[in-house]
Protein backbone atom coordinates (compact mmCIF):
# COMPACT_ATOMS: atom_id res chain seq x y z
CA UNK A 1 103.19 -30.94 130.73
CA UNK A 2 99.41 -31.52 130.34
CA UNK A 3 96.81 -28.84 130.80
CA UNK A 4 95.57 -28.70 134.42
CA UNK A 5 91.93 -28.83 135.58
CA UNK A 6 90.14 -25.56 136.40
CA UNK A 7 89.81 -24.49 139.96
CA UNK A 8 86.12 -25.41 140.29
CA UNK A 9 86.95 -29.07 139.56
CA UNK A 10 89.45 -29.19 142.42
CA UNK A 11 88.62 -29.95 146.03
CA UNK A 12 89.65 -28.65 149.42
CA UNK A 13 90.52 -24.94 149.56
CA UNK A 14 93.12 -23.93 152.18
CA UNK A 15 93.93 -20.43 153.45
CA UNK A 16 97.69 -20.16 153.73
CA UNK A 17 98.10 -16.45 154.46
CA UNK A 18 95.95 -13.37 154.97
CA UNK A 19 97.30 -9.80 155.13
CA UNK A 20 95.47 -6.51 155.67
CA UNK A 21 97.05 -3.31 154.37
CA UNK A 22 95.89 0.21 153.47
CA UNK A 23 94.49 -1.09 150.14
CA UNK A 24 92.51 -4.00 151.55
CA UNK A 25 93.02 -7.74 151.96
CA UNK A 26 95.55 -10.07 150.33
CA UNK A 27 95.10 -13.81 150.64
CA UNK A 28 97.07 -16.81 149.50
CA UNK A 29 94.84 -19.88 148.89
CA UNK A 30 95.78 -23.41 147.93
CA UNK A 31 93.60 -25.88 146.04
CA UNK A 32 95.37 -29.12 145.13
CA UNK A 33 98.69 -28.29 143.43
CA UNK A 34 97.64 -24.69 142.74
CA UNK A 35 98.10 -21.55 144.82
CA UNK A 36 96.16 -18.37 144.23
CA UNK A 37 97.04 -14.82 145.16
CA UNK A 38 93.75 -13.01 145.82
CA UNK A 39 92.84 -9.37 146.44
CA UNK A 40 89.65 -8.43 148.30
CA UNK A 41 86.71 -10.74 148.06
CA UNK A 42 88.24 -13.77 146.34
CA UNK A 43 89.41 -11.90 143.24
CA UNK A 44 92.16 -14.03 141.71
CA UNK A 45 95.23 -11.99 140.76
CA UNK A 46 97.69 -14.82 140.13
CA UNK A 47 97.73 -18.58 139.90
CA UNK A 48 100.82 -20.75 140.46
CA UNK A 49 101.13 -24.47 139.63
CA UNK A 50 103.38 -25.58 142.42
CA UNK A 51 105.41 -28.24 140.60
CA UNK A 52 106.42 -25.63 138.01
CA UNK A 53 106.07 -21.94 139.05
CA UNK A 54 106.88 -20.71 135.53
CA UNK A 55 103.82 -22.50 134.11
CA UNK A 56 101.42 -19.83 132.77
CA UNK A 57 97.93 -21.02 133.67
CA UNK A 58 95.84 -18.11 132.44
CA UNK A 59 95.48 -17.26 128.78
CA UNK A 60 96.09 -13.58 129.49
CA UNK A 61 99.59 -14.34 130.96
CA UNK A 62 100.32 -16.55 127.89
CA UNK A 63 99.18 -13.71 125.66
CA UNK A 64 101.48 -11.27 127.50
CA UNK A 65 104.32 -13.72 127.06
CA UNK A 66 103.54 -13.70 123.33
CA UNK A 67 104.04 -9.93 123.56
CA UNK A 68 107.49 -10.63 125.01
CA UNK A 69 108.28 -12.89 122.02
CA UNK A 70 107.61 -9.98 119.70
CA UNK A 71 111.21 -8.88 120.48
CA UNK A 72 113.87 -11.03 118.85
CA UNK A 73 116.49 -10.71 121.57
CA UNK A 74 115.31 -8.79 124.68
CA UNK A 75 117.95 -8.07 127.32
CA UNK A 76 115.93 -5.91 129.74
CA UNK A 77 112.37 -5.79 131.01
CA UNK A 78 110.23 -3.60 133.27
CA UNK A 79 107.17 -5.08 135.00
CA UNK A 80 104.64 -2.54 136.27
CA UNK A 81 102.69 -4.73 138.66
CA UNK A 82 104.34 -7.94 139.89
CA UNK A 83 101.60 -10.14 141.43
CA UNK A 84 102.90 -13.61 142.15
CA UNK A 85 105.60 -13.11 139.55
CA UNK A 86 104.70 -16.02 137.31
CA UNK A 87 105.02 -14.06 134.07
CA UNK A 88 108.20 -12.42 135.36
CA UNK A 89 109.70 -15.86 136.14
CA UNK A 90 108.65 -17.29 132.78
CA UNK A 91 110.36 -14.39 131.03
CA UNK A 92 113.51 -14.85 133.13
CA UNK A 93 113.58 -18.59 132.33
CA UNK A 94 112.79 -18.56 128.65
CA UNK A 95 114.15 -15.22 127.39
CA UNK A 96 117.79 -13.95 127.28
CA UNK A 97 117.17 -11.24 129.89
CA UNK A 98 120.02 -9.75 131.90
CA UNK A 99 118.23 -6.98 133.77
CA UNK A 100 114.65 -7.04 135.10
CA UNK A 101 112.93 -4.43 137.18
CA UNK A 102 109.50 -4.78 138.79
CA UNK A 103 107.48 -2.05 140.49
CA UNK A 104 104.77 -3.26 142.88
CA UNK A 105 102.46 -1.01 144.92
CA UNK A 106 101.89 -3.27 147.88
CA UNK A 107 104.91 -4.38 150.00
CA UNK A 108 103.37 -7.65 151.06
CA UNK A 109 102.79 -8.85 147.49
CA UNK A 110 106.45 -9.72 146.71
CA UNK A 111 106.99 -11.01 150.20
CA UNK A 112 104.02 -13.40 149.87
CA UNK A 113 105.07 -14.32 146.33
CA UNK A 114 108.50 -15.40 147.57
CA UNK A 115 107.20 -17.17 150.69
CA UNK A 116 104.23 -19.01 149.14
CA UNK A 117 104.09 -18.64 145.36
CA UNK A 118 107.54 -19.89 144.28
CA UNK A 119 109.01 -16.50 143.24
CA UNK A 120 112.80 -16.96 143.07
CA UNK A 121 115.23 -14.44 144.44
CA UNK A 122 116.84 -14.15 141.04
CA UNK A 123 119.90 -11.85 140.97
CA UNK A 124 118.68 -10.36 137.66
CA UNK A 125 115.42 -9.21 139.29
CA UNK A 126 115.13 -5.90 141.21
CA UNK A 127 111.78 -5.20 142.91
CA UNK A 128 110.82 -1.63 143.93
CA UNK A 129 107.84 -0.87 146.15
CA UNK A 130 105.63 2.10 145.19
CA UNK A 131 103.16 3.50 142.72
CA UNK A 132 104.12 2.74 139.15
CA UNK A 133 102.64 6.08 138.02
CA UNK A 134 105.12 7.93 140.26
CA UNK A 135 108.11 5.67 139.82
CA UNK A 136 108.03 5.26 136.06
CA UNK A 137 110.19 8.31 135.47
CA UNK A 138 112.98 6.84 137.58
CA UNK A 139 112.88 3.42 135.92
CA UNK A 140 115.52 2.34 133.44
CA UNK A 141 114.62 2.13 129.74
CA UNK A 142 113.86 -1.45 128.68
CA UNK A 143 113.34 -3.71 125.66
CA UNK A 144 110.08 -4.96 127.14
CA UNK A 145 107.63 -3.18 129.40
CA UNK A 146 104.59 -4.89 130.91
CA UNK A 147 101.62 -2.98 132.34
CA UNK A 148 99.41 -5.14 134.62
CA UNK A 149 98.07 -2.85 137.36
CA UNK A 150 94.97 -4.42 138.85
CA UNK A 151 93.13 -4.06 142.16
CA UNK A 152 90.19 -6.03 143.59
CA UNK A 153 87.82 -3.77 141.63
CA UNK A 154 89.51 -3.88 138.25
CA UNK A 155 92.26 -1.99 136.36
CA UNK A 156 94.06 0.81 138.20
CA UNK A 157 93.89 4.34 136.92
CA UNK A 158 97.13 3.94 134.97
CA UNK A 159 95.30 1.84 132.37
CA UNK A 160 93.45 4.96 131.23
CA UNK A 161 96.06 7.61 132.05
CA UNK A 162 97.35 9.23 128.86
CA UNK A 163 100.60 10.62 130.22
CA UNK A 164 101.49 7.41 132.05
CA UNK A 165 100.79 5.21 128.98
CA UNK A 166 102.71 7.64 126.82
CA UNK A 167 105.59 7.50 129.31
CA UNK A 168 105.63 3.73 129.12
CA UNK A 169 106.12 3.79 125.39
CA UNK A 170 108.80 6.46 125.74
CA UNK A 171 110.70 4.22 128.24
CA UNK A 172 111.16 1.59 125.48
CA UNK A 173 114.53 1.03 123.90
CA UNK A 174 114.58 1.18 120.06
CA UNK A 175 112.85 -1.94 118.80
CA UNK A 176 111.14 -2.49 122.15
CA UNK A 177 107.57 -3.54 122.91
CA UNK A 178 105.03 -2.38 125.43
CA UNK A 179 102.61 -5.11 126.57
CA UNK A 180 99.41 -3.94 128.27
CA UNK A 181 96.85 -6.20 129.98
CA UNK A 182 93.73 -4.18 129.20
CA UNK A 183 90.16 -5.02 130.18
CA UNK A 184 87.72 -5.71 127.35
CA UNK A 185 84.54 -3.71 126.92
CA UNK A 186 81.27 -5.35 126.09
CA UNK A 187 81.97 -4.93 122.37
CA UNK A 188 85.25 -6.85 122.71
CA UNK A 189 87.39 -3.73 122.23
CA UNK A 190 89.96 -2.76 124.87
CA UNK A 191 88.93 -0.43 127.63
CA UNK A 192 89.66 3.12 126.52
CA UNK A 193 89.94 2.19 122.87
CA UNK A 194 89.43 5.77 121.66
CA UNK A 195 92.20 7.03 123.96
CA UNK A 196 94.54 4.26 122.89
CA UNK A 197 93.93 4.79 119.19
CA UNK A 198 94.79 8.49 119.61
CA UNK A 199 97.79 7.97 121.85
CA UNK A 200 99.45 5.24 119.79
CA UNK A 201 98.17 6.44 116.37
CA UNK A 202 96.36 3.13 115.78
CA UNK A 203 99.78 1.50 115.48
CA UNK A 204 99.47 -1.46 117.82
CA UNK A 205 98.09 -4.95 117.87
CA UNK A 206 95.46 -6.61 120.01
CA UNK A 207 95.15 -10.15 121.38
CA UNK A 208 91.75 -10.87 122.98
CA UNK A 209 91.61 -13.76 125.54
CA UNK A 210 88.83 -15.72 127.20
CA UNK A 211 89.22 -14.16 130.66
CA UNK A 212 87.70 -10.95 129.25
CA UNK A 213 90.96 -9.11 128.63
CA UNK A 214 92.63 -7.70 125.53
CA UNK A 215 96.42 -7.71 125.51
CA UNK A 216 97.92 -4.78 123.60
CA UNK A 217 101.28 -5.06 121.79
CA UNK A 218 102.61 -1.55 121.30
CA UNK A 219 105.88 -0.98 119.41
CA UNK A 220 108.42 1.69 120.36
CA UNK A 221 107.77 3.73 117.19
CA UNK A 222 105.60 3.95 114.04
CA UNK A 223 108.24 2.39 111.81
CA UNK A 224 108.20 -0.88 113.81
CA UNK A 225 106.01 -3.73 112.59
CA UNK A 226 104.90 -6.95 114.28
CA UNK A 227 106.51 -9.92 112.45
CA UNK A 228 103.86 -12.63 112.91
CA UNK A 229 105.90 -15.27 111.12
CA UNK A 230 108.94 -14.68 113.36
CA UNK A 231 106.62 -14.66 116.38
CA UNK A 232 105.24 -18.06 115.41
CA UNK A 233 108.73 -19.47 114.90
CA UNK A 234 109.88 -18.32 118.38
CA UNK A 235 106.75 -19.74 119.96
CA UNK A 236 107.17 -23.06 118.15
CA UNK A 237 110.82 -23.32 119.22
CA UNK A 238 109.83 -22.80 122.87
CA UNK A 239 106.81 -25.14 122.86
CA UNK A 240 108.72 -28.22 124.14
CA UNK A 241 110.06 -26.19 127.04
CA UNK A 242 106.77 -24.40 127.87
CA UNK A 243 104.70 -27.61 127.70
CA UNK A 244 101.91 -25.94 125.73
CA UNK A 245 101.36 -24.29 122.35
CA UNK A 246 100.97 -20.55 121.95
CA UNK A 247 99.94 -20.88 118.30
CA UNK A 248 96.10 -20.80 118.96
CA UNK A 249 96.51 -17.44 120.76
CA UNK A 250 98.86 -16.02 118.07
CA UNK A 251 96.11 -16.73 115.53
CA UNK A 252 93.89 -14.26 117.43
CA UNK A 253 96.29 -11.34 117.05
CA UNK A 254 94.64 -8.47 115.14
CA UNK A 255 95.47 -4.88 114.22
CA UNK A 256 94.15 -2.14 116.47
CA UNK A 257 90.34 -1.89 116.32
């Protein structure tokens, strides 16, 4: 599948849905063969390519998928923040997952995702509505945990909450990986770098992407290492199915800064 043109090169923009809740506005927009889930004043949260809803358009979602490939054989995953569910669906399609849980703050988000954004009602997927910071303790342990909690103003408080981020790592099964979509500071380091270095003892890896994010790959314990060669092999094996190469992004992976 070829790379698609950016949004500003496409034409007519259509409003398909607009919802107002206690947190603000949620919109679903369509431009050509793309649909966008937006929070607030045209802040894109998710992008879906309609002919193939598992296509990962943004580099940050591809980088988070690379985090998923850090695990050789994941059977369970926990998504903290669902959005349109493109990353969730890609993981369900391309990884050997049996049990997937997603926690989403806003009730209309999964509804709109299923109605407009191509999110499948997969029997392996269980969606809970509520605050991830409050519901984490009741979540099942998982091989993969993804943290992607964003509002229309930026990352939610969980992205800098020591106890919450510590709890995410503690919810990992042995050999598991925590994948965090962190904002990048002006110096290119992840938001809260000092906190993260202390919390995870500098034992994690970073993957900076062009959208201005840094994806963190955090292992379950200090004895666990990131096998870059194995990561490249898994990505190469999936390339014909994905329709794009993950190798250029893998080359950007670096130890904690």
